[in-house]
C-alpha cells in the first residue's frame, strides 16, 4: 500500500485553503494546515481536528518554520481588498517573505511547491481576455499594489528558485472564486451582494456596474489546483471561469434569487479597480484537461444557502 503524501497547506483555514484541505483529506492524504487566522477560521476545519492524518499549526508564514513534507500548497495571503488593504505592508511581507520562507522549506526537503498567484498580476488589463503571455498593466504605487505587486514578486521568486535550484514548482493564476466559507464582510462582490440581499438592504454597485468579471465556483477551482499540482507543468496557468458577466448582471441575478424588489445604490468606483477581467484557459484545458463545470446560477444557489445558514441559523463558533 503506497504511503500517503504529506501536504502542507498554508492559509489552510481560509476560504480556498479549507476546501483544498477537504479534498486532500478525503483522498486519504496527510495534511498540515498552517494559518495565523488573520482571515482564516478554525471552524472551517473542525471536522478534521481529531483525525490522525490532520495537524493544525498556528503560524505566520513571514517567519520561517521547519517541517518535513512532500508537497507545499502556498495559499497564505489575504485575498480580498478589505483585508489586504487594512495592513498593506503586512500584505507585501506575506507575499515576499512568506513565499521566500516556503520556497526555502521546499528546497530543503525537496518538496513540490504550488503558489496560489492571482489574476491581479494582470492589473487593469489592456488585453482582454487575458492569456498567460500577457505581462499586465499594474500600478506600483496604488492602494492595491501591495497585493498585485506582492504576487508578482512571489511568482518571480518561484521561477528564480526553479532556474537556480531546480525546484519543482507550480504557479496558478487564480481568477475570481466564490462559494461557501467566504467571509460575509470580506468586501468581495458576490459576498457583498448576497449578504446585502439576504439582509433586505439595497445592493451597492460601484461605478455603474459595467466592470467585466468571471466567477469560478470553489469546487472547480480546487480541482484545477489539484490537477496542476499533479501535472508536470510549472505554469503559470490561468485557473478561472471564462464565462464573463458585468457586475450589474451579477447583481441582477443575485437579486432575482433572493428579493427582486431590492433597489440598487451607486457609489464611485474604488481606486485602481480593474474594468475587465476574464481568463483565457486554453493552457489549462490542454495541459490539465480542466475547465469549470459548475454554472454561475448553480454556484450562487449553493453560496446563498451557505450565507443563509451563516447569517441566520449558525450556532456560536466552537473556537
C-alpha atoms as a PDB file:
ATOM      1  CA  UNK A   1       0.000   0.000   0.000  1.00  0.00           C
ATOM      2  CA  UNK A   2       1.554   3.353  -1.039  1.00  0.00           C
ATOM      3  CA  UNK A   3       2.462   5.802   1.706  1.00  0.00           C
ATOM      4  CA  UNK A   4       0.137   8.828   1.914  1.00  0.00           C
ATOM      5  CA  UNK A   5       1.673  12.084   0.766  1.00  0.00           C
ATOM      6  CA  UNK A   6       2.297  14.683   3.459  1.00  0.00           C
ATOM      7  CA  UNK A   7       0.851  18.034   2.411  1.00  0.00           C
ATOM      8  CA  UNK A   8       1.460  21.462   3.903  1.00  0.00           C
ATOM      9  CA  UNK A   9      -1.345  23.930   3.135  1.00  0.00           C
ATOM     10  CA  UNK A  10      -0.507  27.495   4.114  1.00  0.00           C
ATOM     11  CA  UNK A  11      -3.657  29.507   4.659  1.00  0.00           C
ATOM     12  CA  UNK A  12      -5.383  26.186   5.292  1.00  0.00           C
ATOM     13  CA  UNK A  13      -8.136  27.657   7.468  1.00  0.00           C
ATOM     14  CA  UNK A  14      -9.162  30.183   4.836  1.00  0.00           C
ATOM     15  CA  UNK A  15     -11.928  30.079   2.260  1.00  0.00           C
ATOM     16  CA  UNK A  16      -9.965  28.390  -0.515  1.00  0.00           C
ATOM     17  CA  UNK A  17      -7.456  26.602   1.710  1.00  0.00           C
ATOM     18  CA  UNK A  18     -10.084  24.791   3.759  1.00  0.00           C
ATOM     19  CA  UNK A  19     -11.789  23.433   0.635  1.00  0.00           C
ATOM     20  CA  UNK A  20      -8.408  22.170  -0.564  1.00  0.00           C
ATOM     21  CA  UNK A  21      -7.781  20.550   2.829  1.00  0.00           C
ATOM     22  CA  UNK A  22     -11.146  18.771   2.498  1.00  0.00           C
ATOM     23  CA  UNK A  23     -10.192  17.304  -0.879  1.00  0.00           C
ATOM     24  CA  UNK A  24      -6.767  16.151   0.302  1.00  0.00           C
ATOM     25  CA  UNK A  25      -8.133  14.576   3.464  1.00  0.00           C
ATOM     26  CA  UNK A  26     -10.945  12.871   1.566  1.00  0.00           C
ATOM     27  CA  UNK A  27      -8.267  11.409  -0.732  1.00  0.00           C
ATOM     28  CA  UNK A  28      -6.569   9.767   2.269  1.00  0.00           C
ATOM     29  CA  UNK A  29      -3.516  12.037   2.358  1.00  0.00           C
ATOM     30  CA  UNK A  30      -1.831  13.639   5.366  1.00  0.00           C
ATOM     31  CA  UNK A  31      -2.344  17.377   5.805  1.00  0.00           C
ATOM     32  CA  UNK A  32      -0.715  20.071   7.925  1.00  0.00           C
ATOM     33  CA  UNK A  33      -2.683  23.317   7.933  1.00  0.00           C
ATOM     34  CA  UNK A  34      -0.629  26.430   8.639  1.00  0.00           C
ATOM     35  CA  UNK A  35      -2.546  29.639   9.366  1.00  0.00           C
ATOM     36  CA  UNK A  36      -2.253  32.784  11.500  1.00  0.00           C
ATOM     37  CA  UNK A  37      -6.064  33.245  11.437  1.00  0.00           C
ATOM     38  CA  UNK A  38      -5.963  36.788  10.130  1.00  0.00           C
ATOM     39  CA  UNK A  39      -8.709  35.871   7.655  1.00  0.00           C
ATOM     40  CA  UNK A  40      -8.893  32.096   8.207  1.00  0.00           C
ATOM     41  CA  UNK A  41     -11.300  30.469  10.675  1.00  0.00           C
ATOM     42  CA  UNK A  42     -10.732  27.296  12.672  1.00  0.00           C
ATOM     43  CA  UNK A  43     -14.350  26.265  12.258  1.00  0.00           C
ATOM     44  CA  UNK A  44     -13.654  25.717   8.552  1.00  0.00           C
ATOM     45  CA  UNK A  45     -11.511  22.730   9.575  1.00  0.00           C
ATOM     46  CA  UNK A  46     -13.421  21.480  12.603  1.00  0.00           C
ATOM     47  CA  UNK A  47     -14.397  18.137  11.060  1.00  0.00           C
ATOM     48  CA  UNK A  48     -10.731  17.151  10.707  1.00  0.00           C
ATOM     49  CA  UNK A  49      -9.463  18.234  14.147  1.00  0.00           C
ATOM     50  CA  UNK A  50      -9.467  14.733  15.657  1.00  0.00           C
ATOM     51  CA  UNK A  51      -8.307  12.930  12.512  1.00  0.00           C
ATOM     52  CA  UNK A  52      -4.825  11.411  12.992  1.00  0.00           C
ATOM     53  CA  UNK A  53      -3.839  12.389   9.439  1.00  0.00           C
ATOM     54  CA  UNK A  54      -4.503  16.073  10.139  1.00  0.00           C
ATOM     55  CA  UNK A  55      -2.427  18.633  12.040  1.00  0.00           C
ATOM     56  CA  UNK A  56      -3.253  22.261  12.799  1.00  0.00           C
ATOM     57  CA  UNK A  57      -0.479  24.798  13.389  1.00  0.00           C
ATOM     58  CA  UNK A  58      -0.916  28.494  14.191  1.00  0.00           C
ATOM     59  CA  UNK A  59       1.960  30.196  12.409  1.00  0.00           C
ATOM     60  CA  UNK A  60       2.680  33.292  10.354  1.00  0.00           C
ATOM     61  CA  UNK A  61       4.490  32.475   7.110  1.00  0.00           C
ATOM     62  CA  UNK A  62       6.585  35.633   7.363  1.00  0.00           C
ATOM     63  CA  UNK A  63       8.546  33.631   9.977  1.00  0.00           C
ATOM     64  CA  UNK A  64      10.494  30.500   8.947  1.00  0.00           C
ATOM     65  CA  UNK A  65       9.305  27.066  10.054  1.00  0.00           C
ATOM     66  CA  UNK A  66      10.901  23.624   9.863  1.00  0.00           C
ATOM     67  CA  UNK A  67       8.662  20.745   8.777  1.00  0.00           C
ATOM     68  CA  UNK A  68       9.025  17.520   6.805  1.00  0.00           C
ATOM     69  CA  UNK A  69       6.540  17.448   3.913  1.00  0.00           C
ATOM     70  CA  UNK A  70       6.204  16.154   0.358  1.00  0.00           C
ATOM     71  CA  UNK A  71       4.109  18.965  -1.108  1.00  0.00           C
ATOM     72  CA  UNK A  72       3.570  22.603  -0.227  1.00  0.00           C
ATOM     73  CA  UNK A  73       0.393  24.392  -1.301  1.00  0.00           C
ATOM     74  CA  UNK A  74       1.173  28.049  -0.631  1.00  0.00           C
ATOM     75  CA  UNK A  75      -2.160  29.868  -0.332  1.00  0.00           C
ATOM     76  CA  UNK A  76      -1.420  32.126   2.641  1.00  0.00           C
ATOM     77  CA  UNK A  77      -2.239  35.762   1.886  1.00  0.00           C
ATOM     78  CA  UNK A  78      -5.376  37.850   2.400  1.00  0.00           C
ATOM     79  CA  UNK A  79      -7.158  37.958  -0.963  1.00  0.00           C
ATOM     80  CA  UNK A  80      -9.992  40.441  -0.514  1.00  0.00           C
ATOM     81  CA  UNK A  81      -9.321  44.191  -0.902  1.00  0.00           C
ATOM     82  CA  UNK A  82     -10.753  44.959   2.546  1.00  0.00           C
ATOM     83  CA  UNK A  83      -8.328  42.517   4.175  1.00  0.00           C
ATOM     84  CA  UNK A  84      -5.175  43.183   2.192  1.00  0.00           C
ATOM     85  CA  UNK A  85      -5.545  46.975   2.242  1.00  0.00           C
ATOM     86  CA  UNK A  86      -6.076  47.032   6.020  1.00  0.00           C
ATOM     87  CA  UNK A  87      -2.342  46.465   6.545  1.00  0.00           C
ATOM     88  CA  UNK A  88      -0.678  46.796   3.135  1.00  0.00           C
ATOM     89  CA  UNK A  89       2.869  46.497   4.452  1.00  0.00           C
ATOM     90  CA  UNK A  90       1.984  43.209   6.117  1.00  0.00           C
ATOM     91  CA  UNK A  91       0.389  42.048   2.853  1.00  0.00           C
ATOM     92  CA  UNK A  92       3.604  42.802   0.958  1.00  0.00           C
ATOM     93  CA  UNK A  93       5.651  40.984   3.606  1.00  0.00           C
ATOM     94  CA  UNK A  94       3.347  37.978   3.401  1.00  0.00           C
ATOM     95  CA  UNK A  95       3.764  37.729  -0.369  1.00  0.00           C
ATOM     96  CA  UNK A  96       7.526  38.245  -0.361  1.00  0.00           C
ATOM     97  CA  UNK A  97       8.830  36.838   2.933  1.00  0.00           C
ATOM     98  CA  UNK A  98       6.109  34.198   3.169  1.00  0.00           C
ATOM     99  CA  UNK A  99       6.850  32.864  -0.294  1.00  0.00           C
ATOM    100  CA  UNK A 100      10.607  33.114   0.302  1.00  0.00           C
ATOM    101  CA  UNK A 101      10.310  31.090   3.520  1.00  0.00           C
ATOM    102  CA  UNK A 102       8.106  28.432   1.976  1.00  0.00           C
ATOM    103  CA  UNK A 103      10.358  28.117  -1.089  1.00  0.00           C
ATOM    104  CA  UNK A 104      13.324  27.711   1.253  1.00  0.00           C
ATOM    105  CA  UNK A 105      11.482  24.952   3.078  1.00  0.00           C
ATOM    106  CA  UNK A 106      10.571  23.263  -0.213  1.00  0.00           C
ATOM    107  CA  UNK A 107      14.189  23.368  -1.327  1.00  0.00           C
ATOM    108  CA  UNK A 108      15.445  21.897   1.963  1.00  0.00           C
ATOM    109  CA  UNK A 109      13.025  18.950   1.995  1.00  0.00           C
ATOM    110  CA  UNK A 110      12.770  18.594  -1.814  1.00  0.00           C
ATOM    111  CA  UNK A 111       9.010  19.177  -1.799  1.00  0.00           C
ATOM    112  CA  UNK A 112       6.903  20.076  -4.813  1.00  0.00           C
ATOM    113  CA  UNK A 113       5.683  23.664  -4.415  1.00  0.00           C
ATOM    114  CA  UNK A 114       2.483  25.284  -5.680  1.00  0.00           C
ATOM    115  CA  UNK A 115       1.934  29.036  -5.494  1.00  0.00           C
ATOM    116  CA  UNK A 116      -1.590  30.396  -5.463  1.00  0.00           C
ATOM    117  CA  UNK A 117      -0.978  33.509  -7.540  1.00  0.00           C
ATOM    118  CA  UNK A 118      -3.761  35.686  -8.877  1.00  0.00           C
ATOM    119  CA  UNK A 119      -5.292  37.356 -11.895  1.00  0.00           C
ATOM    120  CA  UNK A 120      -4.390  40.608 -10.135  1.00  0.00           C
ATOM    121  CA  UNK A 121      -0.928  40.258 -11.671  1.00  0.00           C
ATOM    122  CA  UNK A 122      -2.619  41.476 -14.889  1.00  0.00           C
ATOM    123  CA  UNK A 123      -3.700  44.713 -13.160  1.00  0.00           C
ATOM    124  CA  UNK A 124      -6.201  46.794 -15.142  1.00  0.00           C
ATOM    125  CA  UNK A 125      -5.571  44.887 -18.368  1.00  0.00           C
ATOM    126  CA  UNK A 126      -5.236  46.448 -21.787  1.00  0.00           C
ATOM    127  CA  UNK A 127      -5.625  42.963 -23.324  1.00  0.00           C
ATOM    128  CA  UNK A 128      -8.964  41.192 -22.954  1.00  0.00           C
ATOM    129  CA  UNK A 129      -9.407  38.354 -22.194  1.00  0.00           C
ATOM    130  CA  UNK A 130      -6.078  37.675 -20.501  1.00  0.00           C
ATOM    131  CA  UNK A 131      -3.713  34.875 -21.618  1.00  0.00           C
ATOM    132  CA  UNK A 132      -0.731  33.841 -19.500  1.00  0.00           C
ATOM    133  CA  UNK A 133       1.579  35.548 -22.001  1.00  0.00           C
ATOM    134  CA  UNK A 134       0.140  38.985 -21.151  1.00  0.00           C
ATOM    135  CA  UNK A 135       2.514  40.850 -18.832  1.00  0.00           C
ATOM    136  CA  UNK A 136      -0.090  43.085 -17.247  1.00  0.00           C
ATOM    137  CA  UNK A 137      -0.755  46.742 -16.549  1.00  0.00           C
ATOM    138  CA  UNK A 138      -0.160  47.188 -12.836  1.00  0.00           C
ATOM    139  CA  UNK A 139       0.329  50.309 -10.712  1.00  0.00           C
ATOM    140  CA  UNK A 140       3.288  50.049  -8.369  1.00  0.00           C
ATOM    141  CA  UNK A 141       2.016  52.945  -6.244  1.00  0.00           C
ATOM    142  CA  UNK A 142      -1.737  52.407  -5.925  1.00  0.00           C
ATOM    143  CA  UNK A 143      -3.722  51.108  -2.967  1.00  0.00           C
ATOM    144  CA  UNK A 144      -3.939  47.621  -4.492  1.00  0.00           C
ATOM    145  CA  UNK A 145      -0.230  47.350  -5.296  1.00  0.00           C
ATOM    146  CA  UNK A 146       0.597  45.589  -2.012  1.00  0.00           C
ATOM    147  CA  UNK A 147      -1.336  42.580  -3.293  1.00  0.00           C
ATOM    148  CA  UNK A 148      -0.799  42.913  -7.061  1.00  0.00           C
ATOM    149  CA  UNK A 149       2.940  43.550  -6.862  1.00  0.00           C
ATOM    150  CA  UNK A 150       3.280  41.153  -3.931  1.00  0.00           C
ATOM    151  CA  UNK A 151       2.009  38.284  -6.059  1.00  0.00           C
ATOM    152  CA  UNK A 152       4.183  39.353  -8.991  1.00  0.00           C
ATOM    153  CA  UNK A 153       7.342  39.176  -6.864  1.00  0.00           C
ATOM    154  CA  UNK A 154       6.115  35.848  -5.438  1.00  0.00           C
ATOM    155  CA  UNK A 155       5.952  34.478  -8.987  1.00  0.00           C
ATOM    156  CA  UNK A 156       9.434  35.875  -9.670  1.00  0.00           C
ATOM    157  CA  UNK A 157      10.814  34.099  -6.614  1.00  0.00           C
ATOM    158  CA  UNK A 158       9.259  30.815  -7.706  1.00  0.00           C
ATOM    159  CA  UNK A 159      10.822  30.925 -11.135  1.00  0.00           C
ATOM    160  CA  UNK A 160      14.195  32.018  -9.756  1.00  0.00           C
ATOM    161  CA  UNK A 161      14.174  29.002  -7.418  1.00  0.00           C
ATOM    162  CA  UNK A 162      13.151  26.880 -10.417  1.00  0.00           C
ATOM    163  CA  UNK A 163      16.048  28.162 -12.543  1.00  0.00           C
ATOM    164  CA  UNK A 164      18.718  28.376  -9.816  1.00  0.00           C
ATOM    165  CA  UNK A 165      17.910  25.346  -7.689  1.00  0.00           C
ATOM    166  CA  UNK A 166      15.782  23.118  -9.929  1.00  0.00           C
ATOM    167  CA  UNK A 167      12.854  23.411  -7.512  1.00  0.00           C
ATOM    168  CA  UNK A 168       9.718  21.592  -8.647  1.00  0.00           C
ATOM    169  CA  UNK A 169       7.231  24.487  -8.851  1.00  0.00           C
ATOM    170  CA  UNK A 170       3.650  25.073  -9.993  1.00  0.00           C
ATOM    171  CA  UNK A 171       2.159  28.567 -10.372  1.00  0.00           C
ATOM    172  CA  UNK A 172      -1.613  29.056 -10.632  1.00  0.00           C
ATOM    173  CA  UNK A 173      -3.088  32.428 -11.557  1.00  0.00           C
ATOM    174  CA  UNK A 174      -6.463  32.307  -9.840  1.00  0.00           C
ATOM    175  CA  UNK A 175      -9.368  34.407 -11.093  1.00  0.00           C
ATOM    176  CA  UNK A 176     -12.424  35.421  -9.045  1.00  0.00           C
ATOM    177  CA  UNK A 177     -13.530  32.447  -6.960  1.00  0.00           C
ATOM    178  CA  UNK A 178     -16.627  32.147  -4.784  1.00  0.00           C
ATOM    179  CA  UNK A 179     -18.607  29.674  -2.726  1.00  0.00           C
ATOM    180  CA  UNK A 180     -19.333  28.521   0.835  1.00  0.00           C
ATOM    181  CA  UNK A 181     -16.979  29.714   3.617  1.00  0.00           C
ATOM    182  CA  UNK A 182     -16.494  33.166   2.145  1.00  0.00           C
ATOM    183  CA  UNK A 183     -16.465  35.726   4.967  1.00  0.00           C
ATOM    184  CA  UNK A 184     -19.626  37.876   4.949  1.00  0.00           C
ATOM    185  CA  UNK A 185     -17.783  41.197   5.324  1.00  0.00           C
ATOM    186  CA  UNK A 186     -14.721  40.491   3.180  1.00  0.00           C
ATOM    187  CA  UNK A 187     -15.671  43.072   0.550  1.00  0.00           C
ATOM    188  CA  UNK A 188     -15.770  40.674  -2.408  1.00  0.00           C
ATOM    189  CA  UNK A 189     -18.534  41.345  -4.851  1.00  0.00           C
ATOM    190  CA  UNK A 190     -20.509  38.091  -4.550  1.00  0.00           C
ATOM    191  CA  UNK A 191     -20.442  38.030  -0.747  1.00  0.00           C
ATOM    192  CA  UNK A 192     -21.372  41.739  -0.713  1.00  0.00           C
ATOM    193  CA  UNK A 193     -24.367  41.243  -2.979  1.00  0.00           C
ATOM    194  CA  UNK A 194     -25.632  38.078  -1.292  1.00  0.00           C
ATOM    195  CA  UNK A 195     -25.311  39.455   2.248  1.00  0.00           C
ATOM    196  CA  UNK A 196     -26.976  42.747   1.320  1.00  0.00           C
ATOM    197  CA  UNK A 197     -29.844  40.931  -0.386  1.00  0.00           C
ATOM    198  CA  UNK A 198     -30.357  38.484   2.488  1.00  0.00           C
ATOM    199  CA  UNK A 199     -30.490  41.442   4.882  1.00  0.00           C
ATOM    200  CA  UNK A 200     -33.075  43.152   2.606  1.00  0.00           C
ATOM    201  CA  UNK A 201     -30.663  46.025   2.045  1.00  0.00           C
ATOM    202  CA  UNK A 202     -30.142  47.925  -1.186  1.00  0.00           C
ATOM    203  CA  UNK A 203     -27.447  46.366  -3.361  1.00  0.00           C
ATOM    204  CA  UNK A 204     -24.387  48.563  -3.828  1.00  0.00           C
ATOM    205  CA  UNK A 205     -22.994  48.966  -7.323  1.00  0.00           C
ATOM    206  CA  UNK A 206     -19.620  50.655  -7.661  1.00  0.00           C
ATOM    207  CA  UNK A 207     -19.474  52.769 -10.768  1.00  0.00           C
ATOM    208  CA  UNK A 208     -22.395  51.754 -12.941  1.00  0.00           C
ATOM    209  CA  UNK A 209     -21.683  48.051 -12.626  1.00  0.00           C
ATOM    210  CA  UNK A 210     -20.186  47.846 -16.106  1.00  0.00           C
ATOM    211  CA  UNK A 211     -16.985  46.169 -14.931  1.00  0.00           C
ATOM    212  CA  UNK A 212     -16.466  42.745 -16.519  1.00  0.00           C
ATOM    213  CA  UNK A 213     -15.657  39.751 -14.327  1.00  0.00           C
ATOM    214  CA  UNK A 214     -15.704  35.958 -14.486  1.00  0.00           C
ATOM    215  CA  UNK A 215     -16.616  33.849 -11.473  1.00  0.00           C
ATOM    216  CA  UNK A 216     -15.398  30.308 -10.741  1.00  0.00           C
ATOM    217  CA  UNK A 217     -17.060  28.117  -8.131  1.00  0.00           C
ATOM    218  CA  UNK A 218     -14.637  26.946  -5.440  1.00  0.00           C
ATOM    219  CA  UNK A 219     -15.003  23.204  -6.135  1.00  0.00           C
ATOM    220  CA  UNK A 220     -13.998  23.731  -9.766  1.00  0.00           C
ATOM    221  CA  UNK A 221     -11.031  25.845  -8.704  1.00  0.00           C
ATOM    222  CA  UNK A 222      -9.765  23.279  -6.200  1.00  0.00           C
ATOM    223  CA  UNK A 223      -9.985  20.590  -8.886  1.00  0.00           C
ATOM    224  CA  UNK A 224      -7.805  22.804 -11.093  1.00  0.00           C
ATOM    225  CA  UNK A 225      -5.230  23.265  -8.329  1.00  0.00           C
ATOM    226  CA  UNK A 226      -5.020  19.514  -7.735  1.00  0.00           C
ATOM    227  CA  UNK A 227      -4.623  18.780 -11.433  1.00  0.00           C
ATOM    228  CA  UNK A 228      -1.903  21.420 -11.701  1.00  0.00           C
ATOM    229  CA  UNK A 229      -0.020  20.020  -8.710  1.00  0.00           C
ATOM    230  CA  UNK A 230      -0.219  16.512 -10.195  1.00  0.00           C
ATOM    231  CA  UNK A 231       0.933  17.671 -13.640  1.00  0.00           C
ATOM    232  CA  UNK A 232       4.433  18.296 -14.977  1.00  0.00           C
ATOM    233  CA  UNK A 233       3.576  21.877 -15.971  1.00  0.00           C
ATOM    234  CA  UNK A 234       5.286  24.611 -13.886  1.00  0.00           C
ATOM    235  CA  UNK A 235       2.962  27.325 -15.182  1.00  0.00           C
ATOM    236  CA  UNK A 236       1.918  29.977 -14.808  1.00  0.00           C
ATOM    237  CA  UNK A 237      -1.540  28.664 -15.704  1.00  0.00           C
ATOM    238  CA  UNK A 238      -4.791  30.621 -15.519  1.00  0.00           C
ATOM    239  CA  UNK A 239      -7.481  28.959 -13.421  1.00  0.00           C
ATOM    240  CA  UNK A 240     -10.886  30.581 -13.647  1.00  0.00           C
ATOM    241  CA  UNK A 241     -14.217  30.509 -15.410  1.00  0.00           C
ATOM    242  CA  UNK A 242     -14.066  32.107 -18.875  1.00  0.00           C
ATOM    243  CA  UNK A 243     -17.782  32.921 -18.825  1.00  0.00           C
ATOM    244  CA  UNK A 244     -17.950  36.677 -18.309  1.00  0.00           C
ATOM    245  CA  UNK A 245     -20.674  38.902 -16.920  1.00  0.00           C
ATOM    246  CA  UNK A 246     -20.919  42.524 -15.890  1.00  0.00           C
ATOM    247  CA  UNK A 247     -21.148  43.365 -12.221  1.00  0.00           C
ATOM    248  CA  UNK A 248     -24.647  44.698 -12.832  1.00  0.00           C
ATOM    249  CA  UNK A 249     -25.716  41.417 -14.445  1.00  0.00           C
ATOM    250  CA  UNK A 250     -24.387  39.588 -11.386  1.00  0.00           C
ATOM    251  CA  UNK A 251     -26.284  41.935  -9.068  1.00  0.00           C
ATOM    252  CA  UNK A 252     -29.482  41.390 -11.030  1.00  0.00           C
ATOM    253  CA  UNK A 253     -29.025  37.612 -10.841  1.00  0.00           C
ATOM    254  CA  UNK A 254     -28.466  37.689  -7.078  1.00  0.00           C
ATOM    255  CA  UNK A 255     -31.455  39.994  -6.611  1.00  0.00           C
ATOM    256  CA  UNK A 256     -33.695  37.715  -8.678  1.00  0.00           C
ATOM    257  CA  UNK A 257     -32.762  34.729  -6.492  1.00  0.00           C
ATOM    258  CA  UNK A 258     -33.305  36.459  -3.131  1.00  0.00           C
ATOM    259  CA  UNK A 259     -35.555  39.535  -3.371  1.00  0.00           C
ATOM    260  CA  UNK A 260     -36.484  41.014  -6.775  1.00  0.00           C
ATOM    261  CA  UNK A 261     -37.833  44.167  -5.104  1.00  0.00           C
ATOM    262  CA  UNK A 262     -34.484  45.418  -3.831  1.00  0.00           C
ATOM    263  CA  UNK A 263     -33.050  48.688  -5.134  1.00  0.00           C
ATOM    264  CA  UNK A 264     -29.581  49.354  -6.452  1.00  0.00           C
ATOM    265  CA  UNK A 265     -27.423  52.114  -4.950  1.00  0.00           C
ATOM    266  CA  UNK A 266     -24.490  53.515  -6.948  1.00  0.00           C
ATOM    267  CA  UNK A 267     -21.170  54.561  -5.440  1.00  0.00           C
ATOM    268  CA  UNK A 268     -17.949  55.741  -7.060  1.00  0.00           C
ATOM    269  CA  UNK A 269     -15.527  53.123  -8.363  1.00  0.00           C
ATOM    270  CA  UNK A 270     -12.704  52.230  -5.920  1.00  0.00           C
ATOM    271  CA  UNK A 271      -9.188  53.341  -6.851  1.00  0.00           C
ATOM    272  CA  UNK A 272      -7.435  51.054  -9.364  1.00  0.00           C
ATOM    273  CA  UNK A 273     -10.427  48.696  -9.584  1.00  0.00           C
ATOM    274  CA  UNK A 274      -9.880  46.832 -12.888  1.00  0.00           C
ATOM    275  CA  UNK A 275     -12.529  47.410 -15.544  1.00  0.00           C
ATOM    276  CA  UNK A 276     -12.285  43.955 -17.084  1.00  0.00           C
ATOM    277  CA  UNK A 277     -11.024  40.552 -16.031  1.00  0.00           C
ATOM    278  CA  UNK A 278     -11.547  37.277 -17.881  1.00  0.00           C
ATOM    279  CA  UNK A 279      -9.192  34.302 -18.228  1.00  0.00           C
ATOM    280  CA  UNK A 280      -8.023  32.528 -21.337  1.00  0.00           C
ATOM    281  CA  UNK A 281      -7.908  28.906 -20.129  1.00  0.00           C
ATOM    282  CA  UNK A 282      -6.655  27.188 -23.293  1.00  0.00           C
ATOM    283  CA  UNK A 283      -3.471  26.117 -21.481  1.00  0.00           C
ATOM    284  CA  UNK A 284      -5.413  24.585 -18.569  1.00  0.00           C
ATOM    285  CA  UNK A 285      -7.654  22.704 -20.997  1.00  0.00           C
ATOM    286  CA  UNK A 286      -4.659  21.394 -22.938  1.00  0.00           C
ATOM    287  CA  UNK A 287      -2.229  20.623 -20.121  1.00  0.00           C
ATOM    288  CA  UNK A 288      -4.584  19.744 -17.253  1.00  0.00           C
ATOM    289  CA  UNK A 289      -7.698  18.596 -19.089  1.00  0.00           C
ATOM    290  CA  UNK A 290      -9.512  21.064 -16.826  1.00  0.00           C
ATOM    291  CA  UNK A 291     -12.314  23.530 -17.263  1.00  0.00           C
ATOM    292  CA  UNK A 292     -15.081  24.667 -14.900  1.00  0.00           C
ATOM    293  CA  UNK A 293     -18.244  22.558 -14.740  1.00  0.00           C
ATOM    294  CA  UNK A 294     -20.477  24.446 -12.292  1.00  0.00           C
ATOM    295  CA  UNK A 295     -22.599  27.259 -13.708  1.00  0.00           C
ATOM    296  CA  UNK A 296     -22.857  30.654 -12.018  1.00  0.00           C
ATOM    297  CA  UNK A 297     -26.549  30.002 -11.333  1.00  0.00           C
ATOM    298  CA  UNK A 298     -25.853  26.669  -9.598  1.00  0.00           C
ATOM    299  CA  UNK A 299     -22.870  28.025  -7.680  1.00  0.00           C
ATOM    300  CA  UNK A 300     -24.839  31.038  -6.478  1.00  0.00           C
ATOM    301  CA  UNK A 301     -27.593  28.804  -5.141  1.00  0.00           C
ATOM    302  CA  UNK A 302     -25.043  26.900  -3.019  1.00  0.00           C
ATOM    303  CA  UNK A 303     -23.412  30.153  -1.884  1.00  0.00           C
ATOM    304  CA  UNK A 304     -26.729  31.750  -0.934  1.00  0.00           C
ATOM    305  CA  UNK A 305     -27.658  28.642   1.057  1.00  0.00           C
ATOM    306  CA  UNK A 306     -24.364  28.896   2.950  1.00  0.00           C
ATOM    307  CA  UNK A 307     -24.847  32.564   3.789  1.00  0.00           C
ATOM    308  CA  UNK A 308     -28.426  31.985   4.906  1.00  0.00           C
ATOM    309  CA  UNK A 309     -27.119  29.496   7.445  1.00  0.00           C
ATOM    310  CA  UNK A 310     -24.106  31.662   8.342  1.00  0.00           C
ATOM    311  CA  UNK A 311     -26.169  34.795   8.979  1.00  0.00           C
ATOM    312  CA  UNK A 312     -29.349  33.423  10.495  1.00  0.00           C
ATOM    313  CA  UNK A 313     -29.042  29.791  11.571  1.00  0.00           C
ATOM    314  CA  UNK A 314     -25.480  29.179  12.731  1.00  0.00           C
ATOM    315  CA  UNK A 315     -24.719  28.417  16.366  1.00  0.00           C
ATOM    316  CA  UNK A 316     -21.869  30.049  18.247  1.00  0.00           C
ATOM    317  CA  UNK A 317     -18.454  29.092  16.914  1.00  0.00           C
ATOM    318  CA  UNK A 318     -16.776  26.261  18.771  1.00  0.00           C
ATOM    319  CA  UNK A 319     -13.435  28.095  18.554  1.00  0.00           C
END
